[in-house]
N, C-alpha and C. Protein backbone atom coordinates (compact mmCIF):
# COMPACT_ATOMS: atom_id res chain seq x y z
N GLN A 1 0.85 -1.19 0.01
CA GLN A 1 0.00 -0.01 0.00
C GLN A 1 0.88 1.24 0.00
N VAL A 2 0.76 2.05 -1.05
CA VAL A 2 1.53 3.28 -1.14
C VAL A 2 0.83 4.36 -0.32
N GLN A 3 1.63 5.08 0.44
CA GLN A 3 1.10 6.20 1.22
C GLN A 3 1.85 7.48 0.86
N LEU A 4 1.12 8.58 0.81
CA LEU A 4 1.69 9.87 0.48
C LEU A 4 1.35 10.84 1.60
N GLN A 5 2.30 11.71 1.91
CA GLN A 5 2.10 12.68 2.99
C GLN A 5 2.70 14.02 2.60
N GLU A 6 1.83 15.04 2.55
CA GLU A 6 2.28 16.39 2.24
C GLU A 6 2.84 17.07 3.48
N SER A 7 3.80 17.95 3.29
CA SER A 7 4.32 18.75 4.39
C SER A 7 4.80 20.08 3.86
N GLY A 8 4.73 21.10 4.72
CA GLY A 8 5.17 22.43 4.32
C GLY A 8 4.44 23.48 5.12
N PRO A 9 4.82 24.74 4.93
CA PRO A 9 4.19 25.84 5.69
C PRO A 9 2.73 26.00 5.33
N GLY A 10 1.94 26.32 6.34
CA GLY A 10 0.50 26.55 6.11
C GLY A 10 0.19 27.99 5.74
N LEU A 11 1.14 28.89 5.91
CA LEU A 11 0.90 30.30 5.63
C LEU A 11 2.07 30.83 4.82
N VAL A 12 1.76 31.46 3.71
CA VAL A 12 2.76 32.05 2.83
C VAL A 12 2.35 33.48 2.53
N LYS A 13 3.31 34.38 2.48
CA LYS A 13 3.02 35.80 2.19
C LYS A 13 2.93 36.01 0.67
N PRO A 14 2.09 36.94 0.25
CA PRO A 14 2.01 37.26 -1.18
C PRO A 14 3.38 37.60 -1.76
N SER A 15 3.59 37.19 -2.98
CA SER A 15 4.81 37.38 -3.79
C SER A 15 5.91 36.38 -3.41
N GLN A 16 5.73 35.62 -2.34
CA GLN A 16 6.74 34.63 -1.98
C GLN A 16 6.52 33.33 -2.74
N THR A 17 7.42 32.37 -2.49
CA THR A 17 7.33 31.06 -3.13
C THR A 17 6.79 30.03 -2.14
N LEU A 18 5.74 29.36 -2.60
CA LEU A 18 5.15 28.26 -1.84
C LEU A 18 5.98 27.00 -2.12
N SER A 19 6.36 26.29 -1.06
CA SER A 19 7.14 25.07 -1.24
C SER A 19 6.53 23.95 -0.39
N LEU A 20 6.14 22.86 -1.03
CA LEU A 20 5.56 21.70 -0.36
C LEU A 20 6.31 20.44 -0.77
N THR A 21 6.42 19.52 0.15
CA THR A 21 7.06 18.23 -0.11
C THR A 21 6.08 17.10 0.12
N CYS A 22 6.14 16.12 -0.77
CA CYS A 22 5.34 14.89 -0.62
C CYS A 22 6.30 13.75 -0.34
N THR A 23 6.12 13.12 0.79
CA THR A 23 6.93 11.96 1.17
C THR A 23 6.14 10.68 0.88
N VAL A 24 6.77 9.78 0.13
CA VAL A 24 6.10 8.55 -0.31
C VAL A 24 6.67 7.36 0.43
N SER A 25 5.80 6.49 0.91
CA SER A 25 6.22 5.25 1.56
C SER A 25 5.46 4.09 0.94
N GLY A 26 6.05 2.90 1.01
CA GLY A 26 5.39 1.72 0.47
C GLY A 26 5.62 1.52 -1.01
N GLY A 27 6.40 2.36 -1.64
CA GLY A 27 6.69 2.24 -3.06
C GLY A 27 7.68 3.31 -3.49
N SER A 28 8.39 3.06 -4.57
CA SER A 28 9.41 4.01 -5.03
C SER A 28 8.85 4.96 -6.08
N ILE A 29 9.27 6.21 -6.04
CA ILE A 29 8.80 7.19 -7.02
C ILE A 29 9.46 6.99 -8.38
N THR A 30 10.41 6.05 -8.45
CA THR A 30 11.03 5.74 -9.75
C THR A 30 10.45 4.49 -10.39
N THR A 31 9.46 3.88 -9.75
CA THR A 31 8.85 2.67 -10.29
C THR A 31 8.10 2.97 -11.59
N ASN A 32 8.41 2.15 -12.66
CA ASN A 32 7.67 2.27 -13.91
C ASN A 32 6.18 1.95 -13.65
N TYR A 33 5.28 2.58 -14.17
CA TYR A 33 5.21 3.76 -15.00
C TYR A 33 4.29 4.74 -14.32
N TYR A 34 4.64 5.14 -13.11
CA TYR A 34 3.77 5.99 -12.32
C TYR A 34 4.11 7.47 -12.45
N TYR A 35 3.10 8.28 -12.23
CA TYR A 35 3.20 9.73 -12.29
C TYR A 35 2.81 10.30 -10.94
N TRP A 36 3.62 11.28 -10.48
CA TRP A 36 3.45 11.83 -9.14
C TRP A 36 3.01 13.28 -9.27
N ASN A 37 1.78 13.52 -8.85
CA ASN A 37 1.09 14.76 -9.16
C ASN A 37 0.92 15.69 -7.97
N TRP A 38 0.77 16.97 -8.31
CA TRP A 38 0.29 17.96 -7.35
C TRP A 38 -1.04 18.50 -7.87
N ILE A 39 -2.01 18.57 -6.96
CA ILE A 39 -3.37 18.98 -7.26
C ILE A 39 -3.82 19.87 -6.12
N ARG A 40 -4.66 20.85 -6.43
CA ARG A 40 -5.14 21.70 -5.35
C ARG A 40 -6.63 21.94 -5.48
N GLN A 41 -7.24 22.35 -4.37
CA GLN A 41 -8.66 22.68 -4.35
C GLN A 41 -8.86 23.97 -3.58
N PRO A 42 -9.12 25.06 -4.31
CA PRO A 42 -9.39 26.32 -3.64
C PRO A 42 -10.73 26.23 -2.91
N PRO A 43 -10.94 27.08 -1.92
CA PRO A 43 -12.20 27.04 -1.17
C PRO A 43 -13.40 27.25 -2.07
N GLY A 44 -14.36 26.35 -1.96
CA GLY A 44 -15.59 26.47 -2.73
C GLY A 44 -15.47 26.12 -4.20
N LYS A 45 -14.33 25.59 -4.61
CA LYS A 45 -14.11 25.28 -6.03
C LYS A 45 -13.71 23.81 -6.19
N GLY A 46 -13.61 23.38 -7.44
CA GLY A 46 -13.24 22.02 -7.75
C GLY A 46 -11.74 21.81 -7.74
N LEU A 47 -11.33 20.57 -8.05
CA LEU A 47 -9.93 20.24 -8.10
C LEU A 47 -9.25 20.90 -9.30
N GLU A 48 -8.01 21.34 -9.09
CA GLU A 48 -7.20 21.91 -10.16
C GLU A 48 -5.88 21.16 -10.19
N TRP A 49 -5.58 20.58 -11.33
CA TRP A 49 -4.32 19.85 -11.48
C TRP A 49 -3.19 20.86 -11.72
N ILE A 50 -2.06 20.70 -11.02
CA ILE A 50 -0.95 21.62 -11.11
C ILE A 50 0.15 21.08 -12.02
N GLY A 51 0.52 19.81 -11.82
CA GLY A 51 1.59 19.23 -12.62
C GLY A 51 2.03 17.91 -12.06
N TYR A 52 2.95 17.25 -12.77
CA TYR A 52 3.49 15.98 -12.27
C TYR A 52 4.98 15.86 -12.57
N ILE A 53 5.58 14.95 -11.82
CA ILE A 53 6.91 14.45 -12.17
C ILE A 53 6.76 12.95 -12.39
N ALA A 54 7.24 12.47 -13.50
CA ALA A 54 7.06 11.07 -13.88
C ALA A 54 8.13 10.19 -13.24
N TYR A 55 7.92 8.88 -13.34
CA TYR A 55 8.89 7.89 -12.86
C TYR A 55 10.27 8.12 -13.45
N SER A 56 10.30 8.64 -14.67
CA SER A 56 11.55 8.90 -15.38
C SER A 56 12.23 10.19 -14.93
N GLY A 57 11.50 11.04 -14.23
CA GLY A 57 12.02 12.34 -13.84
C GLY A 57 11.54 13.48 -14.70
N SER A 58 10.86 13.17 -15.78
CA SER A 58 10.34 14.24 -16.64
C SER A 58 9.16 14.92 -15.94
N THR A 59 8.93 16.17 -16.31
CA THR A 59 7.87 16.94 -15.68
C THR A 59 6.92 17.52 -16.72
N TYR A 60 5.71 17.79 -16.27
CA TYR A 60 4.71 18.44 -17.13
C TYR A 60 3.80 19.24 -16.24
N TYR A 61 3.50 20.48 -16.69
CA TYR A 61 2.73 21.39 -15.86
C TYR A 61 1.46 21.88 -16.54
N SER A 62 0.49 22.28 -15.73
CA SER A 62 -0.69 22.92 -16.27
C SER A 62 -0.26 24.21 -16.99
N PRO A 63 -0.74 24.40 -18.21
CA PRO A 63 -0.35 25.63 -18.94
C PRO A 63 -0.68 26.92 -18.17
N SER A 64 -1.74 26.89 -17.40
CA SER A 64 -2.14 28.11 -16.68
C SER A 64 -1.22 28.44 -15.51
N LEU A 65 -0.43 27.46 -15.07
CA LEU A 65 0.46 27.66 -13.91
C LEU A 65 1.92 27.44 -14.26
N GLU A 66 2.19 27.06 -15.49
CA GLU A 66 3.53 26.62 -15.87
C GLU A 66 4.62 27.65 -15.59
N SER A 67 4.32 28.91 -15.81
CA SER A 67 5.34 29.95 -15.64
C SER A 67 5.77 30.12 -14.19
N ARG A 68 4.96 29.61 -13.25
CA ARG A 68 5.25 29.79 -11.83
C ARG A 68 5.57 28.49 -11.10
N THR A 69 5.54 27.37 -11.83
CA THR A 69 5.60 26.06 -11.18
C THR A 69 6.92 25.32 -11.47
N SER A 70 7.40 24.64 -10.45
CA SER A 70 8.52 23.73 -10.61
C SER A 70 8.30 22.52 -9.69
N ILE A 71 8.42 21.34 -10.27
CA ILE A 71 8.33 20.10 -9.49
C ILE A 71 9.65 19.35 -9.63
N SER A 72 10.21 18.96 -8.51
CA SER A 72 11.48 18.22 -8.50
C SER A 72 11.37 17.03 -7.57
N ARG A 73 12.42 16.21 -7.51
CA ARG A 73 12.37 15.05 -6.64
C ARG A 73 13.71 14.76 -6.02
N ASP A 74 13.67 14.04 -4.91
CA ASP A 74 14.87 13.53 -4.25
C ASP A 74 14.66 12.04 -4.10
N THR A 75 15.27 11.29 -4.99
CA THR A 75 15.02 9.84 -5.00
C THR A 75 15.63 9.17 -3.77
N SER A 76 16.66 9.76 -3.17
CA SER A 76 17.26 9.15 -1.99
C SER A 76 16.32 9.21 -0.79
N LYS A 77 15.43 10.20 -0.81
CA LYS A 77 14.45 10.34 0.28
C LYS A 77 13.05 9.89 -0.14
N ASN A 78 12.91 9.52 -1.40
CA ASN A 78 11.60 9.14 -1.96
C ASN A 78 10.58 10.24 -1.75
N GLN A 79 10.98 11.46 -2.14
CA GLN A 79 10.14 12.64 -1.99
C GLN A 79 10.08 13.41 -3.31
N PHE A 80 9.00 14.13 -3.51
CA PHE A 80 8.95 15.10 -4.58
C PHE A 80 8.37 16.41 -4.05
N THR A 81 8.78 17.50 -4.68
CA THR A 81 8.54 18.81 -4.12
C THR A 81 7.89 19.74 -5.15
N LEU A 82 6.96 20.54 -4.68
CA LEU A 82 6.31 21.56 -5.49
C LEU A 82 6.83 22.92 -5.06
N GLN A 83 7.18 23.73 -6.03
CA GLN A 83 7.47 25.14 -5.77
C GLN A 83 6.57 25.98 -6.68
N LEU A 84 5.84 26.90 -6.08
CA LEU A 84 4.95 27.79 -6.82
C LEU A 84 5.34 29.22 -6.46
N SER A 85 5.82 29.95 -7.41
CA SER A 85 6.38 31.28 -7.13
C SER A 85 5.34 32.39 -7.27
N SER A 86 5.69 33.53 -6.75
CA SER A 86 4.88 34.76 -6.90
C SER A 86 3.42 34.50 -6.51
N VAL A 87 3.21 33.92 -5.37
CA VAL A 87 1.85 33.55 -4.97
C VAL A 87 1.00 34.78 -4.66
N THR A 88 -0.30 34.62 -4.84
CA THR A 88 -1.30 35.61 -4.49
C THR A 88 -2.36 34.92 -3.64
N PRO A 89 -3.29 35.68 -3.06
CA PRO A 89 -4.36 35.05 -2.28
C PRO A 89 -5.17 34.03 -3.10
N GLU A 90 -5.18 34.17 -4.43
CA GLU A 90 -5.89 33.18 -5.27
C GLU A 90 -5.22 31.81 -5.26
N ASP A 91 -4.03 31.72 -4.72
CA ASP A 91 -3.37 30.42 -4.61
C ASP A 91 -3.71 29.71 -3.29
N THR A 92 -4.54 30.34 -2.48
CA THR A 92 -4.99 29.70 -1.24
C THR A 92 -5.83 28.47 -1.59
N ALA A 93 -5.47 27.34 -1.00
CA ALA A 93 -6.14 26.08 -1.36
C ALA A 93 -5.65 24.96 -0.44
N VAL A 94 -6.36 23.84 -0.51
CA VAL A 94 -5.82 22.60 0.03
C VAL A 94 -5.00 21.96 -1.09
N TYR A 95 -3.76 21.65 -0.79
CA TYR A 95 -2.83 21.07 -1.76
C TYR A 95 -2.68 19.58 -1.48
N TYR A 96 -2.79 18.79 -2.56
CA TYR A 96 -2.68 17.34 -2.44
C TYR A 96 -1.56 16.83 -3.34
N CYS A 97 -0.92 15.76 -2.92
CA CYS A 97 -0.09 14.97 -3.83
C CYS A 97 -0.81 13.65 -4.08
N ALA A 98 -0.65 13.14 -5.28
CA ALA A 98 -1.40 11.95 -5.69
C ALA A 98 -0.62 11.18 -6.78
N ARG A 99 -0.91 9.89 -6.86
CA ARG A 99 -0.23 9.02 -7.81
C ARG A 99 -1.23 8.48 -8.84
N ASP A 100 -0.80 8.45 -10.12
CA ASP A 100 -1.63 7.81 -11.13
C ASP A 100 -0.75 7.09 -12.13
N ARG A 101 -1.37 6.32 -13.02
CA ARG A 101 -0.63 5.46 -13.94
C ARG A 101 -0.60 5.96 -15.37
N TYR A 102 -1.23 7.12 -15.64
CA TYR A 102 -1.34 7.53 -17.03
C TYR A 102 -0.85 8.95 -17.31
N GLY A 103 -0.67 9.75 -16.26
CA GLY A 103 -0.18 11.11 -16.50
C GLY A 103 -1.11 11.95 -17.33
N LEU A 104 -2.41 11.83 -17.05
CA LEU A 104 -3.40 12.57 -17.86
C LEU A 104 -3.69 13.96 -17.35
N GLY A 105 -3.23 14.29 -16.15
CA GLY A 105 -3.55 15.61 -15.62
C GLY A 105 -5.02 15.77 -15.32
N SER A 106 -5.64 14.73 -14.85
CA SER A 106 -7.08 14.73 -14.61
C SER A 106 -7.45 15.56 -13.39
N THR A 107 -8.70 16.06 -13.42
CA THR A 107 -9.26 16.73 -12.24
C THR A 107 -10.34 15.86 -11.60
N SER A 108 -10.37 14.60 -11.99
CA SER A 108 -11.30 13.65 -11.38
C SER A 108 -10.57 12.84 -10.33
N ARG A 109 -11.09 12.85 -9.12
CA ARG A 109 -10.45 12.11 -8.03
C ARG A 109 -10.31 10.63 -8.34
N ASP A 110 -11.26 10.08 -9.07
CA ASP A 110 -11.26 8.64 -9.36
C ASP A 110 -10.11 8.19 -10.27
N GLU A 111 -9.49 9.14 -10.97
CA GLU A 111 -8.42 8.79 -11.88
C GLU A 111 -7.10 8.49 -11.17
N TYR A 112 -7.04 8.79 -9.88
CA TYR A 112 -5.79 8.63 -9.15
C TYR A 112 -5.87 7.41 -8.24
N ASP A 113 -4.75 6.71 -8.16
CA ASP A 113 -4.71 5.49 -7.35
C ASP A 113 -4.57 5.80 -5.86
N ASP A 114 -3.78 6.80 -5.55
CA ASP A 114 -3.48 7.09 -4.14
C ASP A 114 -3.37 8.60 -3.95
N TRP A 115 -3.81 9.05 -2.78
CA TRP A 115 -3.79 10.46 -2.42
C TRP A 115 -3.14 10.67 -1.07
N GLY A 116 -2.52 11.84 -0.89
CA GLY A 116 -2.18 12.29 0.45
C GLY A 116 -3.44 12.87 1.10
N GLN A 117 -3.34 13.18 2.37
CA GLN A 117 -4.51 13.69 3.08
C GLN A 117 -4.77 15.16 2.77
N GLY A 118 -3.80 15.84 2.19
CA GLY A 118 -3.97 17.25 1.84
C GLY A 118 -3.44 18.16 2.93
N THR A 119 -2.98 19.33 2.52
CA THR A 119 -2.49 20.32 3.46
C THR A 119 -3.01 21.70 3.07
N GLN A 120 -3.55 22.41 4.03
CA GLN A 120 -4.09 23.75 3.77
C GLN A 120 -2.94 24.74 3.64
N VAL A 121 -2.95 25.52 2.56
CA VAL A 121 -2.01 26.62 2.39
C VAL A 121 -2.80 27.91 2.21
N THR A 122 -2.52 28.87 3.03
CA THR A 122 -3.18 30.19 2.95
C THR A 122 -2.14 31.22 2.56
N VAL A 123 -2.50 32.03 1.57
CA VAL A 123 -1.63 33.12 1.15
C VAL A 123 -2.20 34.41 1.69
N SER A 124 -1.49 35.02 2.61
CA SER A 124 -1.98 36.23 3.26
C SER A 124 -0.80 36.97 3.89
N SER A 125 -0.93 38.29 3.92
CA SER A 125 0.10 39.07 4.60
C SER A 125 -0.20 39.20 6.09
């Protein structure tokens, strides 16, 4: 059973960079052919896919967030990290990490095999 756990600051100031880490246990992030995603849900809104890092290390981002997004990994720690720069209050959301087998960038919860519990991030001065 693969488990994912998000960690990072719950409060970020506007214009700063949001940084979250997902720690994976029960399976390796380099295992063929899984994709490791970041997804968020703003208050009162649906899921928004942010991007993924694949088993190979390649990355792909939502076009609407690509200019501010970077996803990287540390295979020695079995972790992957999201960095979202120049944040505004509109980036306030619950942020999730999740695993899937197709790298489709879906906003449907059912498309993902495993989820972290989510972490609230608030952007405010």
